Amino acid sequence: MLNIGIRSQEMRALTVDKVNFNEGIITIDKAVKRTGELGKPKNGKTRYIPIKPEVLEFLQAKINKEAKYILGDSDYITASALRCYYEAFIKRLNNSLAEKGEKPIPVRSPHILRHTCGTLLQKNGMPIAILMEIMGHKSREMTDHYTHVGDIETLTEAVKKYRFLS
């Protein structure tokens, strides 16, 4: 989620066949709705997200290519299960930081990763029109809401500091 800006509803609906390992692109054409049913993504249109080589390598090594869903195997996971996985990850991260004598990071919603992704993409020079497409936003105002230009230095330092996680 941090590296591609995917919404949690889209991540939960992502099937293995939507990851093009040859081209390095993820196709987003489904999301798990609040009702628990599969449907179109929030903006109603299919979008294509490029995958960083290190994320593609991670996916190739970690996902079960025989499964249907990236998360959940034969069925998609619930929103509460995704939250539990995320919170367990933050707990492991904070344990690792504590072992190094560093301060823990606060637990926030997984959605914050979309903001971080958008901000980092903009910081690295991605044109706003392309960023809007990747994020799946209909308006420039929404994309501006997701990018926190004033926080770029802080975010950059945080990503560098915790790079051992990728």
N, C-alpha and C. Protein backbone atom coordinates (compact mmCIF):
# COMPACT_ATOMS: atom_id res chain seq x y z
N MET A 1 0.83 -1.19 0.00
CA MET A 1 0.00 0.00 0.00
C MET A 1 0.87 1.25 0.00
N LEU A 2 1.96 1.19 0.74
CA LEU A 2 2.86 2.35 0.80
C LEU A 2 3.50 2.62 -0.55
N ASN A 3 3.86 1.60 -1.27
CA ASN A 3 4.61 1.78 -2.51
C ASN A 3 3.76 2.03 -3.74
N ILE A 4 2.47 1.70 -3.70
CA ILE A 4 1.66 1.90 -4.90
C ILE A 4 0.41 2.73 -4.66
N GLY A 5 0.12 3.10 -3.42
CA GLY A 5 -1.00 3.98 -3.13
C GLY A 5 -2.37 3.35 -3.30
N ILE A 6 -2.44 2.06 -3.28
CA ILE A 6 -3.71 1.36 -3.46
C ILE A 6 -4.60 1.56 -2.23
N ARG A 7 -5.89 1.69 -2.45
CA ARG A 7 -6.85 1.79 -1.34
C ARG A 7 -6.96 0.43 -0.66
N SER A 8 -7.28 0.43 0.63
CA SER A 8 -7.39 -0.85 1.35
C SER A 8 -8.49 -1.72 0.76
N GLN A 9 -9.60 -1.11 0.31
CA GLN A 9 -10.69 -1.89 -0.30
C GLN A 9 -10.22 -2.55 -1.59
N GLU A 10 -9.34 -1.86 -2.32
CA GLU A 10 -8.79 -2.40 -3.57
C GLU A 10 -7.76 -3.49 -3.26
N MET A 11 -6.97 -3.29 -2.22
CA MET A 11 -5.97 -4.28 -1.84
C MET A 11 -6.65 -5.58 -1.45
N ARG A 12 -7.74 -5.49 -0.73
CA ARG A 12 -8.45 -6.69 -0.30
C ARG A 12 -9.08 -7.43 -1.48
N ALA A 13 -9.41 -6.73 -2.56
CA ALA A 13 -10.04 -7.34 -3.73
C ALA A 13 -9.03 -7.74 -4.81
N LEU A 14 -7.75 -7.44 -4.58
CA LEU A 14 -6.73 -7.69 -5.60
C LEU A 14 -6.47 -9.18 -5.78
N THR A 15 -6.67 -9.64 -7.00
CA THR A 15 -6.42 -11.04 -7.32
C THR A 15 -5.03 -11.19 -7.95
N VAL A 16 -4.48 -12.37 -7.80
CA VAL A 16 -3.13 -12.65 -8.29
C VAL A 16 -3.02 -12.38 -9.79
N ASP A 17 -4.07 -12.70 -10.53
CA ASP A 17 -4.02 -12.51 -11.98
C ASP A 17 -3.98 -11.05 -12.41
N LYS A 18 -4.18 -10.12 -11.49
CA LYS A 18 -4.14 -8.69 -11.81
C LYS A 18 -2.74 -8.10 -11.64
N VAL A 19 -1.79 -8.94 -11.24
CA VAL A 19 -0.40 -8.51 -11.13
C VAL A 19 0.33 -9.02 -12.35
N ASN A 20 0.73 -8.12 -13.23
CA ASN A 20 1.47 -8.49 -14.43
C ASN A 20 2.96 -8.44 -14.09
N PHE A 21 3.53 -9.61 -13.82
CA PHE A 21 4.93 -9.69 -13.41
C PHE A 21 5.88 -9.34 -14.54
N ASN A 22 5.48 -9.56 -15.78
CA ASN A 22 6.34 -9.24 -16.92
C ASN A 22 6.43 -7.74 -17.17
N GLU A 23 5.30 -7.06 -17.06
CA GLU A 23 5.25 -5.62 -17.33
C GLU A 23 5.46 -4.78 -16.07
N GLY A 24 5.30 -5.38 -14.89
CA GLY A 24 5.44 -4.63 -13.64
C GLY A 24 4.29 -3.68 -13.40
N ILE A 25 3.06 -4.17 -13.67
CA ILE A 25 1.86 -3.33 -13.52
C ILE A 25 0.78 -4.10 -12.78
N ILE A 26 0.08 -3.38 -11.90
CA ILE A 26 -1.09 -3.94 -11.23
C ILE A 26 -2.32 -3.29 -11.84
N THR A 27 -3.31 -4.11 -12.16
CA THR A 27 -4.58 -3.61 -12.67
C THR A 27 -5.57 -3.55 -11.51
N ILE A 28 -6.14 -2.38 -11.32
CA ILE A 28 -7.14 -2.17 -10.26
C ILE A 28 -8.49 -2.04 -10.95
N ASP A 29 -9.34 -3.05 -10.78
CA ASP A 29 -10.66 -2.99 -11.39
C ASP A 29 -11.77 -3.44 -10.45
N LYS A 30 -11.39 -3.75 -9.19
CA LYS A 30 -12.37 -4.19 -8.19
C LYS A 30 -12.02 -3.62 -6.84
N ALA A 31 -13.03 -3.58 -5.99
CA ALA A 31 -12.85 -3.18 -4.59
C ALA A 31 -13.90 -3.90 -3.77
N VAL A 32 -13.61 -4.10 -2.49
CA VAL A 32 -14.59 -4.67 -1.58
C VAL A 32 -15.37 -3.49 -1.00
N LYS A 33 -16.65 -3.47 -1.26
CA LYS A 33 -17.52 -2.38 -0.81
C LYS A 33 -17.81 -2.49 0.68
N ARG A 34 -18.37 -1.45 1.26
CA ARG A 34 -18.73 -1.46 2.69
C ARG A 34 -19.71 -2.57 3.02
N THR A 35 -20.48 -2.98 2.05
CA THR A 35 -21.44 -4.07 2.26
C THR A 35 -20.77 -5.43 2.31
N GLY A 36 -19.49 -5.48 1.94
CA GLY A 36 -18.76 -6.74 1.91
C GLY A 36 -18.80 -7.40 0.54
N GLU A 37 -19.48 -6.78 -0.41
CA GLU A 37 -19.57 -7.32 -1.77
C GLU A 37 -18.47 -6.73 -2.64
N LEU A 38 -18.09 -7.47 -3.68
CA LEU A 38 -17.14 -6.95 -4.66
C LEU A 38 -17.85 -6.02 -5.62
N GLY A 39 -17.15 -4.95 -6.00
CA GLY A 39 -17.70 -4.02 -6.97
C GLY A 39 -16.58 -3.25 -7.64
N LYS A 40 -16.94 -2.21 -8.34
CA LYS A 40 -15.94 -1.37 -9.02
C LYS A 40 -15.19 -0.54 -7.98
N PRO A 41 -13.99 -0.07 -8.35
CA PRO A 41 -13.25 0.80 -7.43
C PRO A 41 -14.03 2.08 -7.15
N LYS A 42 -13.58 2.83 -6.19
CA LYS A 42 -14.26 4.03 -5.72
C LYS A 42 -14.63 5.00 -6.85
N ASN A 43 -13.72 5.21 -7.78
CA ASN A 43 -14.00 6.14 -8.88
C ASN A 43 -14.71 5.48 -10.06
N GLY A 44 -14.93 4.18 -9.97
CA GLY A 44 -15.69 3.47 -11.00
C GLY A 44 -14.93 3.08 -12.24
N LYS A 45 -13.64 3.36 -12.30
CA LYS A 45 -12.91 3.01 -13.52
C LYS A 45 -11.67 2.18 -13.21
N THR A 46 -11.26 1.41 -14.19
CA THR A 46 -10.05 0.59 -14.08
C THR A 46 -8.85 1.51 -14.19
N ARG A 47 -7.84 1.22 -13.37
CA ARG A 47 -6.59 1.97 -13.51
C ARG A 47 -5.41 1.01 -13.41
N TYR A 48 -4.29 1.47 -13.88
CA TYR A 48 -3.09 0.65 -13.96
C TYR A 48 -1.99 1.35 -13.16
N ILE A 49 -1.38 0.61 -12.25
CA ILE A 49 -0.37 1.18 -11.37
C ILE A 49 0.96 0.48 -11.61
N PRO A 50 2.00 1.27 -11.92
CA PRO A 50 3.33 0.65 -12.07
C PRO A 50 3.85 0.20 -10.71
N ILE A 51 4.58 -0.89 -10.71
CA ILE A 51 5.13 -1.45 -9.48
C ILE A 51 6.63 -1.24 -9.47
N LYS A 52 7.15 -0.73 -8.37
CA LYS A 52 8.60 -0.59 -8.22
C LYS A 52 9.23 -1.97 -8.30
N PRO A 53 10.43 -2.07 -8.87
CA PRO A 53 11.08 -3.38 -8.99
C PRO A 53 11.20 -4.14 -7.66
N GLU A 54 11.51 -3.42 -6.57
CA GLU A 54 11.66 -4.12 -5.29
C GLU A 54 10.32 -4.64 -4.76
N VAL A 55 9.23 -3.96 -5.08
CA VAL A 55 7.90 -4.44 -4.68
C VAL A 55 7.52 -5.64 -5.52
N LEU A 56 7.82 -5.58 -6.82
CA LEU A 56 7.55 -6.70 -7.71
C LEU A 56 8.33 -7.94 -7.26
N GLU A 57 9.58 -7.74 -6.91
CA GLU A 57 10.41 -8.84 -6.42
C GLU A 57 9.82 -9.43 -5.13
N PHE A 58 9.37 -8.56 -4.23
CA PHE A 58 8.76 -9.01 -2.98
C PHE A 58 7.51 -9.83 -3.27
N LEU A 59 6.66 -9.33 -4.16
CA LEU A 59 5.42 -10.05 -4.50
C LEU A 59 5.74 -11.41 -5.12
N GLN A 60 6.70 -11.44 -6.02
CA GLN A 60 7.07 -12.71 -6.65
C GLN A 60 7.52 -13.73 -5.62
N ALA A 61 8.22 -13.27 -4.60
CA ALA A 61 8.74 -14.19 -3.59
C ALA A 61 7.70 -14.59 -2.55
N LYS A 62 6.74 -13.70 -2.27
CA LYS A 62 5.86 -13.91 -1.13
C LYS A 62 4.45 -14.41 -1.45
N ILE A 63 3.91 -14.07 -2.62
CA ILE A 63 2.51 -14.45 -2.84
C ILE A 63 2.39 -15.89 -3.31
N ASN A 64 1.26 -16.45 -3.00
CA ASN A 64 0.93 -17.79 -3.46
C ASN A 64 0.28 -17.64 -4.83
N LYS A 65 0.99 -17.98 -5.87
CA LYS A 65 0.47 -17.78 -7.23
C LYS A 65 -0.67 -18.72 -7.57
N GLU A 66 -0.89 -19.72 -6.73
CA GLU A 66 -2.02 -20.63 -6.92
C GLU A 66 -3.29 -20.08 -6.27
N ALA A 67 -3.13 -19.09 -5.41
CA ALA A 67 -4.28 -18.49 -4.71
C ALA A 67 -5.04 -17.58 -5.65
N LYS A 68 -6.24 -17.23 -5.27
CA LYS A 68 -7.02 -16.28 -6.06
C LYS A 68 -6.67 -14.85 -5.66
N TYR A 69 -6.66 -14.58 -4.35
CA TYR A 69 -6.44 -13.22 -3.85
C TYR A 69 -5.03 -13.07 -3.29
N ILE A 70 -4.48 -11.87 -3.44
CA ILE A 70 -3.17 -11.56 -2.86
C ILE A 70 -3.25 -11.73 -1.34
N LEU A 71 -4.30 -11.17 -0.75
CA LEU A 71 -4.55 -11.33 0.68
C LEU A 71 -5.78 -12.21 0.84
N GLY A 72 -5.67 -13.28 1.55
CA GLY A 72 -6.85 -14.08 1.84
C GLY A 72 -6.95 -15.39 1.11
N ASP A 73 -6.08 -15.65 0.18
CA ASP A 73 -6.04 -16.93 -0.53
C ASP A 73 -7.23 -17.15 -1.46
N SER A 74 -8.25 -17.94 -1.04
CA SER A 74 -9.35 -18.25 -1.94
C SER A 74 -10.49 -17.25 -1.84
N ASP A 75 -10.49 -16.42 -0.80
CA ASP A 75 -11.51 -15.40 -0.62
C ASP A 75 -10.82 -14.16 -0.08
N TYR A 76 -11.39 -13.00 -0.30
CA TYR A 76 -10.77 -11.78 0.20
C TYR A 76 -11.00 -11.66 1.71
N ILE A 77 -10.09 -10.95 2.36
CA ILE A 77 -10.19 -10.80 3.81
C ILE A 77 -11.12 -9.65 4.16
N THR A 78 -11.58 -9.63 5.39
CA THR A 78 -12.46 -8.57 5.87
C THR A 78 -11.64 -7.32 6.20
N ALA A 79 -12.33 -6.21 6.35
CA ALA A 79 -11.66 -4.97 6.72
C ALA A 79 -11.00 -5.11 8.09
N SER A 80 -11.65 -5.79 9.03
CA SER A 80 -11.08 -5.95 10.36
C SER A 80 -9.84 -6.85 10.32
N ALA A 81 -9.83 -7.85 9.44
CA ALA A 81 -8.64 -8.71 9.30
C ALA A 81 -7.47 -7.91 8.75
N LEU A 82 -7.72 -7.05 7.76
CA LEU A 82 -6.65 -6.21 7.21
C LEU A 82 -6.10 -5.31 8.31
N ARG A 83 -6.99 -4.73 9.10
CA ARG A 83 -6.56 -3.87 10.21
C ARG A 83 -5.70 -4.67 11.20
N CYS A 84 -6.09 -5.91 11.50
CA CYS A 84 -5.31 -6.75 12.42
C CYS A 84 -3.93 -7.04 11.86
N TYR A 85 -3.85 -7.38 10.56
CA TYR A 85 -2.55 -7.63 9.93
C TYR A 85 -1.65 -6.39 10.04
N TYR A 86 -2.26 -5.25 9.74
CA TYR A 86 -1.54 -3.98 9.77
C TYR A 86 -1.04 -3.68 11.18
N GLU A 87 -1.91 -3.84 12.17
CA GLU A 87 -1.52 -3.57 13.55
C GLU A 87 -0.44 -4.54 14.03
N ALA A 88 -0.51 -5.78 13.59
CA ALA A 88 0.53 -6.76 13.94
C ALA A 88 1.87 -6.35 13.32
N PHE A 89 1.82 -5.84 12.10
CA PHE A 89 3.03 -5.35 11.44
C PHE A 89 3.64 -4.20 12.23
N ILE A 90 2.82 -3.23 12.64
CA ILE A 90 3.31 -2.08 13.41
C ILE A 90 3.89 -2.56 14.74
N LYS A 91 3.27 -3.54 15.35
CA LYS A 91 3.78 -4.09 16.62
C LYS A 91 5.17 -4.69 16.41
N ARG A 92 5.34 -5.47 15.33
CA ARG A 92 6.66 -6.06 15.04
C ARG A 92 7.69 -4.97 14.76
N LEU A 93 7.28 -3.95 14.03
CA LEU A 93 8.16 -2.82 13.74
C LEU A 93 8.58 -2.13 15.04
N ASN A 94 7.63 -1.87 15.92
CA ASN A 94 7.94 -1.18 17.17
C ASN A 94 8.81 -2.04 18.08
N ASN A 95 8.62 -3.35 18.07
CA ASN A 95 9.50 -4.24 18.83
C ASN A 95 10.93 -4.14 18.31
N SER A 96 11.06 -4.11 16.99
CA SER A 96 12.38 -3.99 16.38
C SER A 96 13.02 -2.65 16.73
N LEU A 97 12.23 -1.59 16.70
CA LEU A 97 12.75 -0.27 17.05
C LEU A 97 13.17 -0.23 18.52
N ALA A 98 12.37 -0.85 19.40
CA ALA A 98 12.68 -0.88 20.83
C ALA A 98 14.01 -1.59 21.07
N GLU A 99 14.25 -2.68 20.33
CA GLU A 99 15.52 -3.41 20.46
C GLU A 99 16.71 -2.52 20.09
N LYS A 100 16.47 -1.56 19.23
CA LYS A 100 17.53 -0.64 18.81
C LYS A 100 17.56 0.62 19.66
N GLY A 101 16.65 0.68 20.65
CA GLY A 101 16.60 1.85 21.52
C GLY A 101 15.93 3.06 20.89
N GLU A 102 15.13 2.83 19.86
CA GLU A 102 14.45 3.93 19.17
C GLU A 102 13.01 4.04 19.60
N LYS A 103 12.44 5.21 19.36
CA LYS A 103 11.05 5.46 19.74
C LYS A 103 10.09 4.69 18.84
N PRO A 104 8.98 4.22 19.41
CA PRO A 104 7.97 3.55 18.58
C PRO A 104 7.22 4.55 17.71
N ILE A 105 6.59 4.03 16.68
CA ILE A 105 5.75 4.90 15.85
C ILE A 105 4.29 4.68 16.25
N PRO A 106 3.47 5.70 16.13
CA PRO A 106 2.07 5.54 16.52
C PRO A 106 1.31 4.68 15.52
N VAL A 107 0.32 3.97 16.00
CA VAL A 107 -0.54 3.17 15.13
C VAL A 107 -1.57 4.10 14.52
N ARG A 108 -1.59 4.13 13.22
CA ARG A 108 -2.58 4.93 12.48
C ARG A 108 -3.29 4.01 11.51
N SER A 109 -4.30 4.53 10.87
CA SER A 109 -5.05 3.74 9.90
C SER A 109 -4.15 3.37 8.72
N PRO A 110 -4.37 2.19 8.12
CA PRO A 110 -3.60 1.84 6.91
C PRO A 110 -3.79 2.85 5.79
N HIS A 111 -4.88 3.60 5.83
CA HIS A 111 -5.16 4.59 4.78
C HIS A 111 -4.08 5.66 4.70
N ILE A 112 -3.42 5.92 5.81
CA ILE A 112 -2.38 6.95 5.82
C ILE A 112 -1.27 6.62 4.82
N LEU A 113 -1.12 5.34 4.48
CA LEU A 113 -0.10 4.94 3.52
C LEU A 113 -0.36 5.53 2.14
N ARG A 114 -1.63 5.75 1.78
CA ARG A 114 -1.95 6.40 0.50
C ARG A 114 -1.43 7.83 0.49
N HIS A 115 -1.57 8.52 1.60
CA HIS A 115 -1.08 9.89 1.69
C HIS A 115 0.44 9.91 1.55
N THR A 116 1.11 8.99 2.24
CA THR A 116 2.57 8.93 2.16
C THR A 116 3.02 8.61 0.75
N CYS A 117 2.38 7.66 0.11
CA CYS A 117 2.72 7.30 -1.27
C CYS A 117 2.56 8.50 -2.20
N GLY A 118 1.42 9.16 -2.13
CA GLY A 118 1.18 10.32 -2.99
C GLY A 118 2.19 11.43 -2.77
N THR A 119 2.51 11.68 -1.51
CA THR A 119 3.49 12.72 -1.18
C THR A 119 4.87 12.38 -1.73
N LEU A 120 5.28 11.13 -1.55
CA LEU A 120 6.61 10.73 -2.03
C LEU A 120 6.69 10.73 -3.56
N LEU A 121 5.62 10.32 -4.22
CA LEU A 121 5.61 10.36 -5.68
C LEU A 121 5.72 11.80 -6.18
N GLN A 122 4.98 12.70 -5.54
CA GLN A 122 5.05 14.11 -5.94
C GLN A 122 6.44 14.68 -5.65
N LYS A 123 7.00 14.35 -4.51
CA LYS A 123 8.34 14.82 -4.16
C LYS A 123 9.38 14.40 -5.19
N ASN A 124 9.19 13.19 -5.72
CA ASN A 124 10.15 12.67 -6.69
C ASN A 124 9.85 13.11 -8.11
N GLY A 125 8.98 14.11 -8.26
CA GLY A 125 8.79 14.74 -9.55
C GLY A 125 7.68 14.21 -10.42
N MET A 126 6.81 13.36 -9.89
CA MET A 126 5.73 12.84 -10.72
C MET A 126 4.75 13.97 -11.05
N PRO A 127 4.43 14.14 -12.32
CA PRO A 127 3.45 15.16 -12.70
C PRO A 127 2.09 14.88 -12.05
N ILE A 128 1.42 15.94 -11.66
CA ILE A 128 0.17 15.82 -10.92
C ILE A 128 -0.89 15.04 -11.71
N ALA A 129 -0.92 15.19 -13.04
CA ALA A 129 -1.91 14.47 -13.85
C ALA A 129 -1.70 12.96 -13.77
N ILE A 130 -0.45 12.52 -13.77
CA ILE A 130 -0.16 11.10 -13.67
C ILE A 130 -0.44 10.62 -12.25
N LEU A 131 -0.08 11.43 -11.27
CA LEU A 131 -0.36 11.08 -9.87
C LEU A 131 -1.86 10.92 -9.64
N MET A 132 -2.65 11.79 -10.23
CA MET A 132 -4.11 11.68 -10.13
C MET A 132 -4.59 10.34 -10.67
N GLU A 133 -4.05 9.91 -11.80
CA GLU A 133 -4.43 8.63 -12.40
C GLU A 133 -4.05 7.46 -11.50
N ILE A 134 -2.82 7.48 -11.02
CA ILE A 134 -2.36 6.39 -10.17
C ILE A 134 -3.18 6.30 -8.89
N MET A 135 -3.47 7.44 -8.30
CA MET A 135 -4.23 7.46 -7.05
C MET A 135 -5.72 7.20 -7.28
N GLY A 136 -6.17 7.40 -8.52
CA GLY A 136 -7.57 7.17 -8.83
C GLY A 136 -8.47 8.33 -8.42
N HIS A 137 -7.93 9.54 -8.47
CA HIS A 137 -8.70 10.72 -8.08
C HIS A 137 -9.34 11.38 -9.29
N LYS A 138 -10.53 11.92 -9.09
CA LYS A 138 -11.23 12.62 -10.17
C LYS A 138 -10.81 14.08 -10.24
N SER A 139 -10.32 14.63 -9.12
CA SER A 139 -10.00 16.06 -9.11
C SER A 139 -8.60 16.33 -8.59
N ARG A 140 -8.07 17.44 -9.04
CA ARG A 140 -6.76 17.91 -8.58
C ARG A 140 -6.82 18.24 -7.09
N GLU A 141 -7.96 18.76 -6.65
CA GLU A 141 -8.11 19.12 -5.24
C GLU A 141 -7.95 17.90 -4.32
N MET A 142 -8.50 16.77 -4.73
CA MET A 142 -8.37 15.56 -3.91
C MET A 142 -6.92 15.11 -3.87
N THR A 143 -6.25 15.16 -5.00
CA THR A 143 -4.84 14.77 -5.03
C THR A 143 -4.01 15.72 -4.16
N ASP A 144 -4.32 17.01 -4.23
CA ASP A 144 -3.62 17.98 -3.37
C ASP A 144 -3.86 17.67 -1.90
N HIS A 145 -5.06 17.22 -1.57
CA HIS A 145 -5.39 16.84 -0.19
C HIS A 145 -4.53 15.65 0.27
N TYR A 146 -4.20 14.77 -0.65
CA TYR A 146 -3.42 13.57 -0.31
C TYR A 146 -1.93 13.82 -0.25
N THR A 147 -1.47 14.87 -0.89
CA THR A 147 -0.03 15.13 -0.89
C THR A 147 0.26 16.23 0.11
N HIS A 148 1.20 15.96 0.97
CA HIS A 148 1.54 16.87 2.06
C HIS A 148 2.95 17.40 1.82
N VAL A 149 3.03 18.38 0.92
CA VAL A 149 4.33 18.87 0.49
C VAL A 149 5.16 19.35 1.66
N GLY A 150 4.54 19.96 2.66
CA GLY A 150 5.28 20.44 3.83
C GLY A 150 5.87 19.31 4.65
N ASP A 151 5.33 18.12 4.49
CA ASP A 151 5.80 16.96 5.27
C ASP A 151 6.82 16.11 4.51
N ILE A 152 7.22 16.55 3.32
CA ILE A 152 8.07 15.71 2.47
C ILE A 152 9.38 15.33 3.15
N GLU A 153 10.05 16.27 3.76
CA GLU A 153 11.34 15.95 4.38
C GLU A 153 11.17 14.95 5.51
N THR A 154 10.14 15.14 6.32
CA THR A 154 9.88 14.20 7.42
C THR A 154 9.58 12.82 6.87
N LEU A 155 8.73 12.74 5.84
CA LEU A 155 8.38 11.45 5.25
C LEU A 155 9.59 10.78 4.62
N THR A 156 10.41 11.56 3.94
CA THR A 156 11.59 11.01 3.30
C THR A 156 12.53 10.40 4.34
N GLU A 157 12.73 11.11 5.42
CA GLU A 157 13.58 10.58 6.49
C GLU A 157 13.00 9.32 7.09
N ALA A 158 11.68 9.30 7.29
CA ALA A 158 11.02 8.12 7.87
C ALA A 158 11.18 6.91 6.96
N VAL A 159 10.98 7.09 5.65
CA VAL A 159 11.10 5.98 4.71
C VAL A 159 12.53 5.48 4.66
N LYS A 160 13.51 6.40 4.67
CA LYS A 160 14.92 5.99 4.68
C LYS A 160 15.24 5.23 5.95
N LYS A 161 14.76 5.73 7.08
CA LYS A 161 15.06 5.13 8.36
C LYS A 161 14.52 3.72 8.48
N TYR A 162 13.32 3.49 7.94
CA TYR A 162 12.66 2.18 8.07
C TYR A 162 12.78 1.34 6.82
N ARG A 163 13.74 1.65 5.96
CA ARG A 163 13.93 0.94 4.70
C ARG A 163 14.18 -0.55 4.92
N PHE A 164 14.68 -0.94 6.07
CA PHE A 164 14.95 -2.34 6.36
C PHE A 164 13.70 -3.19 6.27
N LEU A 165 12.53 -2.57 6.22
CA LEU A 165 11.28 -3.32 6.18
C LEU A 165 10.92 -3.78 4.78
N SER A 166 11.48 -3.17 3.76
CA SER A 166 11.06 -3.52 2.40
C SER A 166 11.83 -4.68 1.85
